[in-house]
Amino acid sequence: MSVAGYQTLDIIEEVTRLDGTKYKEIGNLLHNGQAEYAADQGMIQEVRILKLNIPHSTNVQKYEKYVNENFDIPAEVAIPEYQEWTRTPEMDAVVQQILVENKVS
């Protein structure tokens, strides 16, 4: 499985885990496609896009850099397992700020 190049993040998604808990993720269409595939394969319950084409703010750039430096992002949509991007407390605060900036609660 090949790894995608640097990923630009431009959407906000809501992911429902198998246990029913939900979280919001900053992703892109590749990530959303992988999450949709994961939902179809029973790896997660559901994913839905909350907002498209979010502004490329300083906070989005910070989180984008964190994701690209810390996770291998497969280039393929048909992934063998769904990888939830774990966040440091600092990155969790950055994501929360992105949600506020984009009026997504």
C-alpha atoms as a PDB file:
ATOM      1  CA  MET A   1       0.000   0.000   0.000  1.00  0.00           C
ATOM      2  CA  SER A   2       1.505   3.329  -1.007  1.00  0.00           C
ATOM      3  CA  VAL A   3       1.470   6.432   1.169  1.00  0.00           C
ATOM      4  CA  ALA A   4      -0.133   9.633  -0.093  1.00  0.00           C
ATOM      5  CA  GLY A   5       1.928  12.815  -0.288  1.00  0.00           C
ATOM      6  CA  TYR A   6       1.382  15.847   1.902  1.00  0.00           C
ATOM      7  CA  GLN A   7      -2.330  16.106   2.659  1.00  0.00           C
ATOM      8  CA  THR A   8      -4.175  19.439   2.684  1.00  0.00           C
ATOM      9  CA  LEU A   9      -7.090  19.378   5.113  1.00  0.00           C
ATOM     10  CA  ASP A  10     -10.238  21.212   4.062  1.00  0.00           C
ATOM     11  CA  ILE A  11     -13.351  19.525   5.485  1.00  0.00           C
ATOM     12  CA  ILE A  12     -14.884  18.859   8.890  1.00  0.00           C
ATOM     13  CA  GLU A  13     -16.320  15.380   9.443  1.00  0.00           C
ATOM     14  CA  GLU A  14     -18.180  13.654  12.244  1.00  0.00           C
ATOM     15  CA  VAL A  15     -17.141  10.038  12.775  1.00  0.00           C
ATOM     16  CA  THR A  16     -19.213   7.551  14.764  1.00  0.00           C
ATOM     17  CA  ARG A  17     -17.109   4.802  16.299  1.00  0.00           C
ATOM     18  CA  LEU A  18     -18.366   1.226  16.676  1.00  0.00           C
ATOM     19  CA  ASP A  19     -19.259   1.907  20.332  1.00  0.00           C
ATOM     20  CA  GLY A  20     -21.545   4.765  19.249  1.00  0.00           C
ATOM     21  CA  THR A  21     -19.341   7.615  20.469  1.00  0.00           C
ATOM     22  CA  LYS A  22     -18.707  10.427  18.016  1.00  0.00           C
ATOM     23  CA  TYR A  23     -15.853  12.769  17.337  1.00  0.00           C
ATOM     24  CA  LYS A  24     -15.144  15.520  14.872  1.00  0.00           C
ATOM     25  CA  GLU A  25     -12.156  15.334  12.532  1.00  0.00           C
ATOM     26  CA  ILE A  26     -10.522  17.784  10.179  1.00  0.00           C
ATOM     27  CA  GLY A  27      -9.882  15.862   6.977  1.00  0.00           C
ATOM     28  CA  ASN A  28     -10.110  15.955   3.206  1.00  0.00           C
ATOM     29  CA  LEU A  29     -11.891  14.005   0.499  1.00  0.00           C
ATOM     30  CA  LEU A  30      -9.308  11.173   0.603  1.00  0.00           C
ATOM     31  CA  HIS A  31      -9.830  10.805   4.349  1.00  0.00           C
ATOM     32  CA  ASN A  32     -13.592  10.954   3.897  1.00  0.00           C
ATOM     33  CA  GLY A  33     -13.452   8.273   1.200  1.00  0.00           C
ATOM     34  CA  GLN A  34     -11.410   6.054   3.514  1.00  0.00           C
ATOM     35  CA  ALA A  35     -13.888   6.639   6.341  1.00  0.00           C
ATOM     36  CA  GLU A  36     -16.832   5.842   4.049  1.00  0.00           C
ATOM     37  CA  TYR A  37     -15.069   2.623   3.036  1.00  0.00           C
ATOM     38  CA  ALA A  38     -14.402   1.859   6.725  1.00  0.00           C
ATOM     39  CA  ALA A  39     -18.105   2.349   7.491  1.00  0.00           C
ATOM     40  CA  ASP A  40     -19.086   0.020   4.638  1.00  0.00           C
ATOM     41  CA  GLN A  41     -16.648  -2.595   5.970  1.00  0.00           C
ATOM     42  CA  GLY A  42     -17.869  -2.333   9.585  1.00  0.00           C
ATOM     43  CA  MET A  43     -14.712  -0.669  10.971  1.00  0.00           C
ATOM     44  CA  ILE A  44     -16.713   2.382  12.122  1.00  0.00           C
ATOM     45  CA  GLN A  45     -20.456   3.009  12.218  1.00  0.00           C
ATOM     46  CA  GLU A  46     -20.719   6.173  10.149  1.00  0.00           C
ATOM     47  CA  VAL A  47     -19.016   9.277   8.816  1.00  0.00           C
ATOM     48  CA  ARG A  48     -20.649  12.438   7.615  1.00  0.00           C
ATOM     49  CA  ILE A  49     -19.295  15.694   6.273  1.00  0.00           C
ATOM     50  CA  LEU A  50     -20.292  18.682   8.384  1.00  0.00           C
ATOM     51  CA  LYS A  51     -18.559  21.408   6.386  1.00  0.00           C
ATOM     52  CA  LEU A  52     -16.703  21.550   3.051  1.00  0.00           C
ATOM     53  CA  ASN A  53     -13.937  23.900   1.933  1.00  0.00           C
ATOM     54  CA  ILE A  54     -13.044  25.320   5.326  1.00  0.00           C
ATOM     55  CA  PRO A  55     -10.635  28.290   5.294  1.00  0.00           C
ATOM     56  CA  HIS A  56      -6.961  27.339   5.506  1.00  0.00           C
ATOM     57  CA  SER A  57      -6.465  29.207   8.795  1.00  0.00           C
ATOM     58  CA  THR A  58      -3.353  29.168  10.969  1.00  0.00           C
ATOM     59  CA  ASN A  59      -5.019  26.524  13.168  1.00  0.00           C
ATOM     60  CA  VAL A  60      -5.828  24.327  10.165  1.00  0.00           C
ATOM     61  CA  GLN A  61      -2.195  24.661   9.035  1.00  0.00           C
ATOM     62  CA  LYS A  62      -0.964  23.628  12.514  1.00  0.00           C
ATOM     63  CA  TYR A  63      -3.205  20.543  12.593  1.00  0.00           C
ATOM     64  CA  GLU A  64      -2.398  19.675   8.982  1.00  0.00           C
ATOM     65  CA  LYS A  65       1.337  19.757   9.806  1.00  0.00           C
ATOM     66  CA  TYR A  66       0.750  17.565  12.889  1.00  0.00           C
ATOM     67  CA  VAL A  67      -1.254  14.975  10.921  1.00  0.00           C
ATOM     68  CA  ASN A  68       1.241  14.843   8.047  1.00  0.00           C
ATOM     69  CA  GLU A  69       4.211  14.477  10.418  1.00  0.00           C
ATOM     70  CA  ASN A  70       2.660  11.853  12.702  1.00  0.00           C
ATOM     71  CA  PHE A  71       0.526   9.561  10.545  1.00  0.00           C
ATOM     72  CA  ASP A  72       1.076   7.528   7.401  1.00  0.00           C
ATOM     73  CA  ILE A  73      -1.875   8.282   5.171  1.00  0.00           C
ATOM     74  CA  PRO A  74      -2.553   5.539   2.614  1.00  0.00           C
ATOM     75  CA  ALA A  75      -3.094   6.725  -0.950  1.00  0.00           C
ATOM     76  CA  GLU A  76      -5.802   4.097  -1.477  1.00  0.00           C
ATOM     77  CA  VAL A  77      -9.395   4.320  -0.340  1.00  0.00           C
ATOM     78  CA  ALA A  78      -9.654   0.537   0.270  1.00  0.00           C
ATOM     79  CA  ILE A  79      -7.764   0.561   3.582  1.00  0.00           C
ATOM     80  CA  PRO A  80      -7.098  -2.583   5.661  1.00  0.00           C
ATOM     81  CA  GLU A  81      -8.054  -0.807   8.909  1.00  0.00           C
ATOM     82  CA  TYR A  82      -9.417   2.578   9.958  1.00  0.00           C
ATOM     83  CA  GLN A  83      -6.838   4.727  11.718  1.00  0.00           C
ATOM     84  CA  GLU A  84      -8.202   7.326  14.113  1.00  0.00           C
ATOM     85  CA  TRP A  85      -5.755  10.216  14.359  1.00  0.00           C
ATOM     86  CA  THR A  86      -4.932  10.501  18.052  1.00  0.00           C
ATOM     87  CA  ARG A  87      -4.277  14.019  19.282  1.00  0.00           C
ATOM     88  CA  THR A  88      -2.104  15.586  21.903  1.00  0.00           C
ATOM     89  CA  PRO A  89      -3.915  17.959  24.292  1.00  0.00           C
ATOM     90  CA  GLU A  90      -2.430  20.848  22.289  1.00  0.00           C
ATOM     91  CA  MET A  91      -3.778  19.469  18.999  1.00  0.00           C
ATOM     92  CA  ASP A  92      -7.149  18.745  20.597  1.00  0.00           C
ATOM     93  CA  ALA A  93      -7.334  22.451  21.524  1.00  0.00           C
ATOM     94  CA  VAL A  94      -6.357  23.398  17.951  1.00  0.00           C
ATOM     95  CA  VAL A  95      -9.156  21.219  16.536  1.00  0.00           C
ATOM     96  CA  GLN A  96     -11.625  22.754  18.993  1.00  0.00           C
ATOM     97  CA  GLN A  97     -10.563  26.216  17.792  1.00  0.00           C
ATOM     98  CA  ILE A  98     -11.048  25.144  14.152  1.00  0.00           C
ATOM     99  CA  LEU A  99     -14.581  24.030  15.033  1.00  0.00           C
ATOM    100  CA  VAL A 100     -15.273  27.418  16.670  1.00  0.00           C
ATOM    101  CA  GLU A 101     -13.800  29.301  13.692  1.00  0.00           C
ATOM    102  CA  ASN A 102     -16.125  27.385  11.385  1.00  0.00           C
ATOM    103  CA  LYS A 103     -19.191  27.594  13.645  1.00  0.00           C
ATOM    104  CA  VAL A 104     -19.396  23.811  14.062  1.00  0.00           C
ATOM    105  CA  SER A 105     -20.273  22.709  17.586  1.00  0.00           C
END
